[in-house]
Protein backbone atom coordinates (compact mmCIF):
# COMPACT_ATOMS: atom_id res chain seq x y z
CA MET A 1 141.41 124.43 97.84
CA LYS A 2 139.91 126.02 100.96
CA VAL A 3 141.01 129.43 101.66
CA SER A 4 140.60 130.86 105.59
CA PHE A 5 140.90 133.84 107.00
CA SER A 6 142.09 135.11 110.43
CA ALA A 7 140.16 137.38 112.32
CA ARG A 8 142.41 140.27 112.05
CA GLN A 9 142.73 139.61 108.16
CA LEU A 10 138.97 140.04 108.04
CA GLY A 11 139.09 143.07 110.14
CA TRP A 12 141.74 144.54 107.86
CA MET A 13 139.80 143.45 104.38
CA LEU A 14 136.50 145.31 106.03
CA CYS A 15 138.50 148.30 107.02
CA ALA A 16 139.81 148.85 103.27
CA VAL A 17 136.60 147.95 101.64
CA GLY A 18 134.92 150.61 104.06
CA LEU A 19 138.01 153.13 103.33
CA SER A 20 137.49 152.59 99.51
CA ASN A 21 133.94 153.21 99.65
CA THR A 22 134.51 156.30 101.91
CA LEU A 23 137.11 157.65 99.39
CA LEU A 24 135.07 156.75 96.37
CA TRP A 25 131.45 158.44 97.69
CA LEU A 26 133.43 161.38 99.45
CA ASP A 27 132.53 164.12 97.19
CA ALA A 28 128.80 162.91 96.94
CA LEU A 29 128.69 163.45 100.79
CA ASP A 30 130.80 166.28 100.22
CA ASN A 31 128.07 168.09 98.24
CA TYR A 32 125.30 166.85 100.84
CA LEU A 33 126.75 168.77 103.52
CA ASP A 34 127.39 171.73 101.38
CA ALA A 35 123.46 171.75 100.01
CA ARG A 36 122.02 171.05 103.51
CA PHE A 37 124.37 173.01 105.98
CA GLN A 38 126.49 175.24 103.82
CA TRP A 39 129.61 173.65 104.83
CA SER A 40 132.14 171.60 102.98
CA LEU A 41 134.75 168.69 103.62
CA SER A 42 136.78 169.73 100.58
CA SER A 43 137.35 173.21 102.28
CA HIS A 44 139.07 171.45 105.40
CA GLY A 45 140.91 168.87 104.16
CA PRO A 46 143.17 167.73 101.49
CA ALA A 47 141.98 168.29 97.73
CA ASP A 48 143.31 164.80 96.75
CA TRP A 49 140.79 162.81 98.85
CA PHE A 50 138.22 164.15 96.65
CA GLU A 51 139.84 162.86 93.31
CA PRO A 52 138.77 159.34 93.04
CA SER A 53 134.96 159.96 94.01
CA ARG A 54 135.09 163.21 91.28
CA ARG A 55 136.56 160.85 88.38
CA LEU A 56 133.87 158.19 89.07
CA ALA A 57 131.21 160.82 89.30
CA GLU A 58 132.61 162.39 85.92
CA GLY A 59 132.70 158.79 84.11
CA ALA A 60 128.83 158.20 85.38
CA GLY A 61 127.96 161.77 84.16
CA ASN A 62 129.72 161.39 80.59
CA LEU A 63 127.80 158.03 80.46
CA VAL A 64 124.29 159.81 81.07
CA SER A 65 125.35 162.80 78.42
CA GLN A 66 126.19 159.58 75.96
CA ILE A 67 122.82 158.07 76.34
CA GLY A 68 121.18 161.58 76.40
CA ARG A 69 122.57 162.73 72.83
CA ARG A 70 121.59 159.09 71.40
CA ALA A 71 118.17 159.40 72.82
CA LYS A 72 115.15 159.62 70.36
CA GLU A 73 114.84 163.34 68.86
CA TRP A 74 111.20 164.56 68.51
CA THR A 75 110.69 166.17 65.89
CA GLN A 76 108.53 169.99 66.82
CA THR A 77 105.83 170.75 64.51
CA GLY A 78 104.07 173.99 64.00
CA GLN A 79 105.30 177.57 63.75
CA GLU A 80 107.74 178.87 66.26
CA ILE A 81 106.91 182.00 67.94
CA PRO A 82 109.72 184.82 67.76
CA ALA A 83 112.05 184.54 70.93
CA PRO A 84 111.24 187.70 72.75
CA SER A 85 114.05 189.92 73.73
CA ALA A 86 114.92 190.20 77.26
CA LYS A 87 115.81 192.85 79.75
CA PRO A 88 119.41 193.45 81.19
CA ALA A 89 119.89 191.62 84.60
CA PRO A 90 118.71 193.95 87.45
CA SER A 91 120.78 195.53 89.68
CA ALA A 92 119.77 195.04 93.80
CA MET A 93 118.30 198.41 93.45
CA GLN A 94 115.89 197.65 89.98
CA LEU A 95 114.73 194.47 92.30
CA ALA A 96 113.48 196.90 95.26
CA PHE A 97 110.89 194.68 96.55
CA ARG A 98 107.40 196.91 96.91
CA ALA A 99 105.73 196.20 99.78
CA LEU A 100 102.17 194.18 99.10
CA PRO A 101 98.75 194.42 100.87
CA ALA A 102 97.79 191.88 103.44
CA GLY A 103 96.56 189.27 101.08
CA GLY A 104 98.26 190.60 98.04
CA PHE A 105 100.31 188.72 95.58
CA LEU A 106 102.26 189.10 92.35
CA PRO A 107 99.69 187.72 89.86
CA SER A 108 100.12 185.00 87.36
CA LEU A 109 101.75 185.63 84.02
CA ALA A 110 100.37 183.43 80.98
CA VAL A 111 102.03 185.20 77.79
CA GLN A 112 103.19 182.07 75.92
CA GLN A 113 101.51 180.11 73.42
CA LEU A 114 102.85 176.23 73.00
CA SER A 115 103.83 175.22 69.63
CA ALA A 116 101.46 172.84 67.61
CA GLY A 117 101.90 168.93 67.93
CA PRO A 118 102.97 166.68 70.85
CA GLN A 119 104.76 168.58 73.64
CA ARG A 120 108.14 167.38 75.28
CA ILE A 121 107.76 168.92 79.00
CA MET A 122 110.02 168.25 81.77
CA PHE A 123 109.39 169.44 85.25
CA ALA A 124 112.27 170.94 87.49
CA GLY A 125 112.45 171.20 90.87
CA ASP A 126 112.85 170.29 94.63
CA SER A 127 110.60 167.76 96.82
CA MET A 128 107.54 170.06 96.55
CA MET A 129 107.77 169.20 92.37
CA GLN A 130 108.27 165.70 93.70
CA GLY A 131 104.72 165.56 94.80
CA ILE A 132 103.32 167.97 91.97
CA ALA A 133 104.61 166.39 88.67
CA PRO A 134 103.71 162.70 88.83
CA LEU A 135 99.92 163.96 89.39
CA VAL A 136 100.13 166.58 86.25
CA ILE A 137 101.84 164.15 84.18
CA ARG A 138 99.22 161.59 85.13
CA ASP A 139 96.29 164.10 84.24
CA LEU A 140 98.41 165.32 81.16
CA SER A 141 98.87 161.73 79.47
CA LEU A 142 95.10 160.82 79.61
CA LYS A 143 94.36 163.65 77.30
CA HIS A 144 97.16 163.90 75.59
CA PRO A 145 98.99 160.05 74.96
CA ASP A 146 101.41 161.52 72.77
CA TRP A 147 103.08 163.99 74.60
CA GLN A 148 106.20 163.24 76.25
CA MET A 149 106.83 163.87 79.88
CA THR A 150 110.07 163.65 82.31
CA ASP A 151 109.89 164.40 85.80
CA LEU A 152 113.61 165.66 87.02
CA SER A 153 113.07 166.90 90.40
CA LYS A 154 115.23 166.12 93.23
CA GLN A 155 114.96 167.05 96.64
CA SER A 156 117.20 169.43 98.72
CA THR A 157 118.00 171.53 95.69
CA GLY A 158 117.67 175.17 94.56
CA LEU A 159 119.64 178.02 92.76
CA THR A 160 121.78 179.13 95.87
CA SER A 161 124.05 176.14 95.91
CA ARG A 162 125.45 174.79 92.43
CA LYS A 163 127.69 172.51 93.69
CA PHE A 164 125.29 169.77 95.30
CA PHE A 165 122.95 170.06 91.99
CA ASP A 166 123.54 172.54 89.42
CA TRP A 167 119.93 173.43 87.96
CA PRO A 168 120.83 175.97 85.41
CA ARG A 169 123.43 173.61 83.76
CA THR A 170 120.96 170.85 83.90
CA ILE A 171 118.31 172.38 82.33
CA GLN A 172 120.10 173.33 79.51
CA GLN A 173 121.26 169.92 79.23
CA GLU A 174 118.04 168.27 78.95
CA ILE A 175 116.87 171.13 76.40
CA GLN A 176 119.43 169.96 73.91
CA ALA A 177 119.21 166.29 74.88
CA GLN A 178 115.35 166.19 74.70
CA ASN A 179 114.45 168.73 72.34
CA LEU A 180 111.93 169.75 75.12
CA SER A 181 109.02 172.51 74.32
CA LEU A 182 108.28 173.54 77.97
CA VAL A 183 109.84 173.40 81.14
CA VAL A 184 107.78 173.52 84.50
CA ILE A 185 109.83 175.23 87.32
CA PHE A 186 108.97 174.94 91.38
CA LEU A 187 111.71 175.28 93.62
CA GLY A 188 112.78 178.02 96.35
CA PRO A 189 112.81 176.63 99.94
CA ASN A 190 116.37 175.85 99.97
CA ASP A 191 117.43 178.93 98.75
CA PRO A 192 117.45 181.45 101.81
CA ARG A 193 120.87 180.79 102.85
CA ASP A 194 124.31 182.26 102.18
CA MET A 195 125.76 182.15 98.94
CA TYR A 196 129.24 180.37 98.12
CA LEU A 197 130.81 182.21 95.13
CA PRO A 198 134.18 181.24 93.74
CA ASP A 199 136.22 183.72 95.50
CA LYS A 200 133.68 184.65 98.81
CA ARG A 201 130.71 183.87 100.58
CA VAL A 202 128.07 186.14 100.29
CA SER A 203 125.29 186.56 102.97
CA PHE A 204 121.27 185.91 102.17
CA GLY A 205 119.41 189.37 101.75
CA LYS A 206 122.42 191.62 100.52
CA PRO A 207 122.40 193.25 97.39
CA GLU A 208 125.26 191.12 96.00
CA TRP A 209 123.47 188.03 97.13
CA LEU A 210 120.18 189.02 95.22
CA GLU A 211 121.95 190.18 91.96
CA ASN A 212 123.79 186.83 91.81
CA TYR A 213 120.13 184.79 92.45
CA ALA A 214 118.49 186.92 89.68
CA ALA A 215 121.48 185.76 87.42
CA ARG A 216 120.96 182.28 88.05
CA VAL A 217 117.26 182.44 87.11
CA ASP A 218 118.42 184.51 84.27
CA GLU A 219 120.75 181.83 82.98
CA ILE A 220 117.79 179.34 82.77
CA LEU A 221 115.29 181.81 81.04
CA ALA A 222 118.15 182.92 78.37
CA ASN A 223 118.56 179.92 77.45
CA ALA A 224 115.11 178.71 77.12
CA VAL A 225 114.21 181.56 75.24
CA GLN A 226 117.07 181.52 72.97
CA ASN A 227 115.73 177.90 71.97
CA GLN A 228 112.39 178.53 71.89
CA VAL A 229 111.23 176.88 75.03
CA ARG A 230 108.36 177.53 77.10
CA VAL A 231 108.97 178.11 80.87
CA ILE A 232 106.42 178.17 83.49
CA TRP A 233 107.90 179.32 87.07
CA LEU A 234 105.69 178.38 90.22
CA GLY A 235 105.70 181.02 92.91
CA LEU A 236 106.00 179.87 96.45
CA PRO A 237 102.97 179.96 98.75
CA ALA A 238 103.50 181.05 102.60
CA MET A 239 106.19 179.12 104.74
CA ARG A 240 105.34 178.35 108.54
CA ASP A 241 109.34 179.06 108.99
CA GLU A 242 110.22 182.75 109.32
CA LEU A 243 113.17 182.58 107.67
CA LEU A 244 111.36 180.42 104.65
CA HIS A 245 108.66 182.78 104.96
CA ARG A 246 111.02 185.87 103.99
CA GLY A 247 112.70 183.85 101.44
CA ALA A 248 109.53 182.90 99.72
CA SER A 249 108.90 186.80 99.28
CA VAL A 250 112.32 187.43 97.82
CA SER A 251 112.29 184.40 95.55
CA ASN A 252 108.48 185.17 93.98
CA HIS A 253 109.90 188.71 93.39
CA VAL A 254 112.96 187.33 91.83
CA PHE A 255 111.04 185.09 89.57
CA HIS A 256 108.09 187.17 88.41
CA ASP A 257 110.02 190.29 87.77
CA ARG A 258 112.36 187.77 85.14
CA ALA A 259 109.31 186.06 83.91
CA GLN A 260 107.97 189.44 82.98
CA ALA A 261 111.55 190.60 81.51
CA PHE A 262 111.72 187.54 79.54
CA GLY A 263 108.23 187.29 78.23
CA THR A 264 107.96 183.85 80.19
CA ASP A 265 105.30 182.48 82.25
CA TYR A 266 104.68 182.66 86.08
CA LEU A 267 102.09 180.97 87.81
CA ALA A 268 101.12 182.27 91.46
CA THR A 269 100.43 179.36 93.92
CA GLU A 270 99.68 181.97 96.80
CA ALA A 271 95.67 182.62 96.10
CA LEU A 272 95.54 178.38 96.28
CA ILE A 273 97.92 177.48 99.10
CA GLY A 274 98.29 180.53 101.11
CA TRP A 275 99.56 184.35 100.53
CA VAL A 276 103.18 185.39 101.31
CA SER A 277 102.01 188.71 102.45
CA LEU A 278 100.02 186.93 105.35
CA PRO A 279 100.84 184.57 108.00
CA PHE A 280 101.36 181.09 107.81
CA LYS A 281 98.34 178.91 108.09
CA LYS A 282 97.61 175.17 107.45
CA PHE A 283 93.95 175.65 106.46
CA MET A 284 92.03 177.40 103.80
CA PRO A 285 88.43 176.90 102.70
CA ASP A 286 87.36 174.94 100.25
CA GLU A 287 84.92 175.53 97.42
CA ASN A 288 81.78 175.15 99.86
CA GLY A 289 83.78 177.38 102.87
CA LEU A 290 84.81 174.88 104.83
CA PRO A 291 87.98 174.51 106.26
CA ILE A 292 90.47 172.13 104.24
CA ASN A 293 94.23 171.10 105.58
CA LEU A 294 96.72 171.95 102.71
CA ARG A 295 99.86 171.57 104.11
CA THR A 296 101.80 169.06 106.27
CA GLU A 297 103.43 169.66 109.54
CA ASP A 298 106.78 170.83 108.45
CA GLY A 299 105.04 173.94 106.99
CA ILE A 300 106.67 173.33 103.89
CA HIS A 301 105.01 170.35 101.65
CA PHE A 302 101.66 169.69 101.00
CA THR A 303 98.77 167.42 101.92
CA PRO A 304 96.92 165.46 99.11
CA SER A 305 94.32 168.39 99.09
CA GLY A 306 96.81 170.58 98.60
CA GLN A 307 99.13 169.10 95.80
CA HIS A 308 95.43 168.53 94.12
CA ARG A 309 94.82 172.40 94.08
CA ILE A 310 98.40 173.16 92.73
CA LYS A 311 98.13 170.51 89.79
CA GLN A 312 94.55 171.39 88.78
CA ALA A 313 95.82 174.86 88.45
CA LEU A 314 98.93 174.21 86.47
CA VAL A 315 97.45 171.39 84.24
CA ALA A 316 94.57 174.49 83.31
CA HIS A 317 97.41 177.01 82.88
CA ILE A 318 99.17 174.33 80.05
CA GLU A 319 95.82 173.63 78.63
CA LYS A 320 95.10 177.25 78.14
CA ALA A 321 98.67 177.45 76.25
CA GLN A 322 97.30 175.09 73.57
CA PRO A 323 97.07 176.66 70.08
CA GLN A 324 93.19 176.85 69.05
């Protein structure tokens, strides 16, 4: 039997399909706007509009959680080191930033030793990590084919907005699901913006913003230390944009301070890519003293040469943590 539709009927059908898709993915659009522009549809429209999309997202999240719980568990060998006791979360006054001299930077911290046996490593971060993680995984896989490594990096993410993507919660879930031994974190350029707390909006740079930002770092590190998971937190290099450059300085102080407090690792990238205590530069000298372009035009991401420098430093840092 042949079924035909009039132009008007087809038009209504297309409108219905479009409206259905909009309702299903409205929450995803809301999360994106919140992460990129700190403006949300949900705060300017009826909450009921978002329910179909949220139910769909919750169903997908439950499915992923079930798969993670049933994933193969890797037996961790070797003797565990005692979990270091962490200092309490800092107040804004405790995190008063000391001025660094031109060319100065907060040094790397390498205090953790990995347990013996195959490692289970997860790489977390934003689009910067998306360029670095595959290179590190390739190099380490050649040397250690029995290691399990996962790249969970996601662009446009950070710690300021938890609605678009919640890194503290995600890392905690993956630590349990994958029985991780090491988490490597590289993020920050998306963070120098206002923070939306449940009851108010806090401006970037204010003491309350700083305290809440440090608390989110603490949330990640505290859970990792409790589960005897090692953490390497990469510091940020200089940024071309003035706000991002200032944000890199703030983030680095928090990352370094909290790594010291929890006894975890901090890997500085400034001497490799560009000092935050100096103006932004795309070029730095290579081993022969010749200028080499390390940064892309956006002043955030890295050219292949810049990625290679960070990859080498990170691989060396991980290798040095291997038990003798």
